[in-house]
Protein backbone atom coordinates (compact mmCIF):
# COMPACT_ATOMS: atom_id res chain seq x y z
CA MET A 1 -50.41 -18.39 2.14
CA ASP A 2 -48.42 -15.22 2.79
CA LEU A 3 -48.95 -13.25 6.02
CA SER A 4 -51.55 -10.92 4.70
CA GLU A 5 -53.60 -13.99 3.54
CA LEU A 6 -53.25 -15.62 6.78
CA LEU A 7 -54.31 -12.60 8.79
CA ALA A 8 -57.23 -12.25 6.56
CA VAL A 9 -58.33 -15.87 7.24
CA LEU A 10 -57.70 -15.24 10.98
CA ASP A 11 -59.94 -12.14 10.81
CA ASP A 12 -62.57 -14.20 9.02
CA GLU A 13 -62.50 -16.96 11.65
CA CYS A 14 -62.91 -14.29 14.32
CA SER A 15 -65.72 -12.40 12.52
CA ARG A 16 -67.63 -15.79 12.10
CA VAL A 17 -67.52 -16.41 15.87
CA VAL A 18 -68.72 -12.81 16.61
CA VAL A 19 -71.52 -13.15 14.10
CA ALA A 20 -72.55 -16.49 15.50
CA LEU A 21 -72.54 -15.49 19.23
CA ARG A 22 -73.37 -11.82 19.43
CA ALA A 23 -77.15 -12.32 19.28
CA LEU A 24 -77.36 -15.36 21.62
CA PRO A 25 -79.52 -15.25 24.71
CA GLU A 26 -77.55 -15.14 27.82
CA GLU A 27 -78.60 -18.66 28.99
CA ASP A 28 -76.77 -20.08 25.82
CA PHE A 29 -73.56 -18.90 27.13
CA THR A 30 -73.85 -21.29 29.88
CA ARG A 31 -74.08 -24.38 27.65
CA SER A 32 -71.30 -27.01 28.01
CA THR A 33 -68.73 -27.46 25.28
CA ARG A 34 -66.60 -30.39 24.02
CA CYS A 35 -63.72 -28.69 25.96
CA PRO A 36 -64.64 -29.81 29.59
CA ALA A 37 -63.07 -26.83 31.27
CA TRP A 38 -65.21 -24.20 29.60
CA ASP A 39 -68.90 -23.45 28.91
CA VAL A 40 -69.39 -21.20 25.84
CA LYS A 41 -68.48 -18.10 27.65
CA GLY A 42 -65.48 -19.71 28.99
CA LEU A 43 -64.37 -20.52 25.64
CA VAL A 44 -64.80 -17.04 24.32
CA GLY A 45 -62.29 -16.15 27.08
CA HIS A 46 -60.01 -18.72 25.76
CA LEU A 47 -60.29 -17.11 22.18
CA TRP A 48 -59.66 -13.77 23.65
CA ARG A 49 -56.36 -15.23 24.93
CA ASP A 50 -55.60 -16.94 21.68
CA VAL A 51 -55.62 -13.56 19.75
CA ASP A 52 -54.08 -11.63 22.73
CA ARG A 53 -50.74 -13.71 22.18
CA LEU A 54 -50.45 -12.13 18.79
CA ALA A 55 -49.76 -8.88 20.46
CA THR A 56 -47.98 -10.02 23.66
CA CYS A 57 -45.53 -12.08 21.78
CA LEU A 58 -44.12 -8.97 20.17
CA ASP A 59 -43.09 -7.61 23.55
CA LEU A 60 -40.74 -10.72 24.16
CA GLU A 61 -37.28 -11.00 22.95
CA PRO A 62 -36.93 -13.91 20.53
CA ALA A 63 -33.93 -16.26 20.23
CA SER A 64 -31.78 -15.73 17.15
CA GLU A 65 -33.07 -18.69 15.17
CA PRO A 66 -36.76 -20.28 14.94
CA THR A 67 -37.06 -23.39 17.05
CA CYS A 68 -40.31 -24.55 15.67
CA ASP A 69 -42.91 -23.93 12.89
CA GLY A 70 -46.76 -23.91 13.00
CA ALA A 71 -47.07 -27.75 13.12
CA SER A 72 -44.07 -28.61 15.52
CA TYR A 73 -45.47 -25.79 17.85
CA PHE A 74 -48.37 -28.26 18.76
CA ARG A 75 -45.92 -31.08 19.41
CA ALA A 76 -44.54 -28.94 22.27
CA TYR A 77 -47.80 -28.74 23.94
CA ASP A 78 -48.35 -31.07 26.83
CA PRO A 79 -52.11 -31.39 27.70
CA VAL A 80 -51.40 -32.85 31.18
CA ALA A 81 -48.86 -30.05 32.10
CA ASP A 82 -50.29 -27.20 30.25
CA ALA A 83 -54.08 -27.54 30.10
CA PRO A 84 -54.92 -26.74 33.87
CA SER A 85 -53.23 -23.24 33.65
CA ILE A 86 -54.63 -22.42 30.17
CA ALA A 87 -58.09 -23.29 31.42
CA GLU A 88 -57.81 -21.05 34.40
CA GLN A 89 -56.39 -18.07 32.60
CA SER A 90 -59.18 -18.39 30.00
CA LEU A 91 -61.83 -18.34 32.85
CA GLU A 92 -60.29 -15.38 34.42
CA VAL A 93 -60.61 -13.37 31.17
CA ALA A 94 -64.30 -14.64 30.76
CA ASP A 95 -65.15 -13.70 34.50
CA ARG A 96 -64.17 -10.02 33.68
CA TYR A 97 -67.36 -9.56 31.85
CA ASP A 98 -70.78 -9.57 33.26
CA GLY A 99 -72.35 -11.64 30.62
CA GLY A 100 -71.67 -13.52 27.44
CA ALA A 101 -72.64 -10.61 25.10
CA ALA A 102 -70.07 -8.46 26.77
CA ALA A 103 -67.43 -11.00 26.42
CA VAL A 104 -68.09 -11.43 22.77
CA ALA A 105 -67.98 -7.64 22.24
CA ALA A 106 -64.66 -7.52 24.16
CA PHE A 107 -63.32 -10.30 22.06
CA ASP A 108 -64.33 -8.58 18.92
CA GLU A 109 -62.65 -5.39 19.94
CA HIS A 110 -59.50 -7.01 21.05
CA ARG A 111 -58.99 -9.31 18.04
CA ARG A 112 -59.16 -6.27 15.75
CA ALA A 113 -56.49 -4.55 17.73
CA CYS A 114 -54.31 -7.56 17.85
CA ILE A 115 -54.50 -8.40 14.07
CA ALA A 116 -53.84 -4.60 13.34
CA ALA A 117 -50.68 -4.71 15.48
CA VAL A 118 -49.12 -7.44 13.40
CA ARG A 119 -50.39 -6.48 9.94
CA PRO A 120 -47.57 -4.16 9.01
CA LEU A 121 -44.83 -6.62 10.15
CA ALA A 122 -42.74 -8.94 8.01
CA ALA A 123 -43.66 -12.59 7.78
CA GLU A 124 -40.16 -13.55 8.66
CA ARG A 125 -39.96 -11.51 11.84
CA LEU A 126 -39.13 -13.99 14.81
CA VAL A 127 -41.44 -13.80 17.71
CA ARG A 128 -41.19 -15.66 21.04
CA THR A 129 -44.20 -17.47 22.33
CA ARG A 130 -44.71 -19.25 25.61
CA ILE A 131 -43.47 -22.45 23.88
CA ALA A 132 -40.82 -21.41 21.29
CA THR A 133 -39.38 -18.84 18.89
CA MET A 134 -40.96 -18.95 15.52
CA ARG A 135 -41.57 -16.82 12.49
CA LEU A 136 -44.53 -14.60 12.79
CA ASP A 137 -46.43 -16.19 9.78
CA GLU A 138 -45.98 -19.55 11.37
CA PHE A 139 -47.33 -18.42 14.64
CA VAL A 140 -50.38 -16.88 12.84
CA LYS A 141 -51.08 -20.33 11.36
CA THR A 142 -51.43 -21.56 14.97
CA ARG A 143 -53.89 -18.81 15.78
CA VAL A 144 -55.99 -19.94 12.75
CA LEU A 145 -56.07 -23.39 13.90
CA GLU A 146 -57.15 -22.41 17.42
CA LEU A 147 -60.05 -20.16 16.10
CA ALA A 148 -61.11 -22.88 13.65
CA VAL A 149 -61.06 -25.75 15.84
CA HIS A 150 -62.77 -23.90 18.68
CA GLY A 151 -65.25 -22.50 16.41
CA LEU A 152 -66.29 -26.07 15.67
CA ASP A 153 -66.62 -26.55 19.48
CA LEU A 154 -68.87 -23.54 19.67
CA ALA A 155 -71.00 -24.70 16.74
CA ASP A 156 -71.36 -28.19 18.37
CA ALA A 157 -72.37 -26.72 21.77
CA LEU A 158 -74.93 -24.44 20.18
CA ALA A 159 -76.33 -27.39 17.93
CA CYS A 160 -75.79 -25.38 14.72
CA ALA A 161 -73.92 -25.85 11.36
CA PRO A 162 -70.18 -25.43 11.53
CA TRP A 163 -69.15 -22.01 10.23
CA ILE A 164 -65.46 -22.75 9.60
CA SER A 165 -64.24 -20.92 6.38
CA LEU A 166 -62.40 -22.53 3.46
CA GLY A 167 -59.14 -20.69 4.46
CA GLY A 168 -59.47 -21.71 8.13
CA GLU A 169 -60.07 -25.37 6.96
CA THR A 170 -57.11 -25.40 4.63
CA VAL A 171 -54.70 -24.01 7.24
CA THR A 172 -55.95 -26.39 9.98
CA VAL A 173 -55.85 -29.52 7.77
CA ALA A 174 -52.35 -28.70 6.61
CA ILE A 175 -51.05 -28.48 10.18
CA LEU A 176 -52.77 -31.77 11.00
CA GLU A 177 -51.41 -33.65 7.83
CA GLU A 178 -47.86 -32.33 8.82
CA LEU A 179 -48.27 -33.70 12.25
CA LEU A 180 -49.67 -37.10 10.76
CA ALA A 181 -46.43 -37.27 8.73
CA GLY A 182 -48.06 -39.82 6.40
CA PRO A 183 -50.53 -40.29 3.63
CA LEU A 184 -54.09 -39.30 4.37
CA PRO A 185 -56.68 -41.76 2.94
CA SER A 186 -58.98 -40.32 0.48
CA SER A 187 -61.84 -41.45 2.53
CA ILE A 188 -60.89 -39.21 5.45
CA ALA A 189 -59.59 -36.33 3.26
CA ARG A 190 -62.92 -36.00 1.58
CA ASP A 191 -64.28 -34.78 4.91
CA PRO A 192 -62.14 -32.03 6.16
CA VAL A 193 -64.35 -31.21 9.26
CA GLY A 194 -64.39 -34.77 10.18
CA PHE A 195 -60.52 -35.08 9.84
CA ILE A 196 -60.18 -32.01 12.14
CA ASP A 197 -62.41 -33.57 14.61
CA ARG A 198 -60.57 -36.87 14.68
CA GLY A 199 -57.12 -35.16 14.50
CA THR A 200 -57.81 -33.26 17.58
CA GLY A 201 -59.57 -36.08 19.42
CA ARG A 202 -63.11 -34.73 19.28
CA ARG A 203 -64.32 -37.63 17.30
CA ALA A 204 -63.08 -41.23 17.67
CA LEU A 205 -61.53 -43.08 14.69
CA SER A 206 -64.05 -45.55 13.31
CA ASP A 207 -63.10 -49.16 12.35
CA ALA A 208 -63.17 -48.13 8.73
CA ASP A 209 -60.87 -45.20 9.51
CA ARG A 210 -58.40 -47.34 11.25
CA ALA A 211 -58.41 -49.76 8.32
CA ALA A 212 -57.72 -47.02 5.82
CA LEU A 213 -54.99 -45.43 8.13
CA GLY A 214 -53.25 -48.64 9.00
CA ALA A 215 -50.30 -48.01 11.32
CA LEU A 216 -51.02 -44.32 11.18
CA ALA A 217 -54.14 -44.72 13.28
CA ASP A 218 -51.89 -45.03 16.39
CA ARG A 219 -50.71 -41.41 15.90
CA PHE A 220 -54.31 -40.04 16.63
CA PRO A 221 -55.22 -37.83 18.05
CA LEU A 222 -52.54 -35.57 16.38
CA LEU A 223 -52.86 -32.88 19.00
CA GLY A 224 -54.76 -32.82 22.32
């Protein structure tokens, strides 16, 4: 996908979150999610930060060469070292708003502004993130994965069908396959959402999965 296509996918994933959450009763925003640090409202705060970094990365001076791509970006993430501060900062965002509906409205407005800020730029433009220097289009891929995976978390918390788009599925699966660095068995490839859940540690591998993956099973979860 080129940059404009990736931004369209990201915009679609954001829109699906907004549509799913904007009419929720306030009590549903206190539901627990598969991300222990966050309830539904807290996870909306995290998504606000995910798109916010599209804009803030433009203000940082990048190195002269990219140091990672959309997949290797996630290899640099250390859940033990990084997760506590990410969780706290996301809750700080969520706490700015009196209720879940207000947080969703703020996310909707902010994602439009952040996506608009990068839309006119070149795909090969280098940006500096908190982890590395990378091409803009590769960084957008990481934002798509974040929105797609956490969209699945929200759907799970609300006990509703996943709303992930085909584009979001495609980008996320491609990153996970690159992290796997080996052949994906057809039995797992047939179920992209199941692969995403397994690849991100949200669902354990079954005995059948392990048999199909062989030695590759030891690489799961592919990102934390």
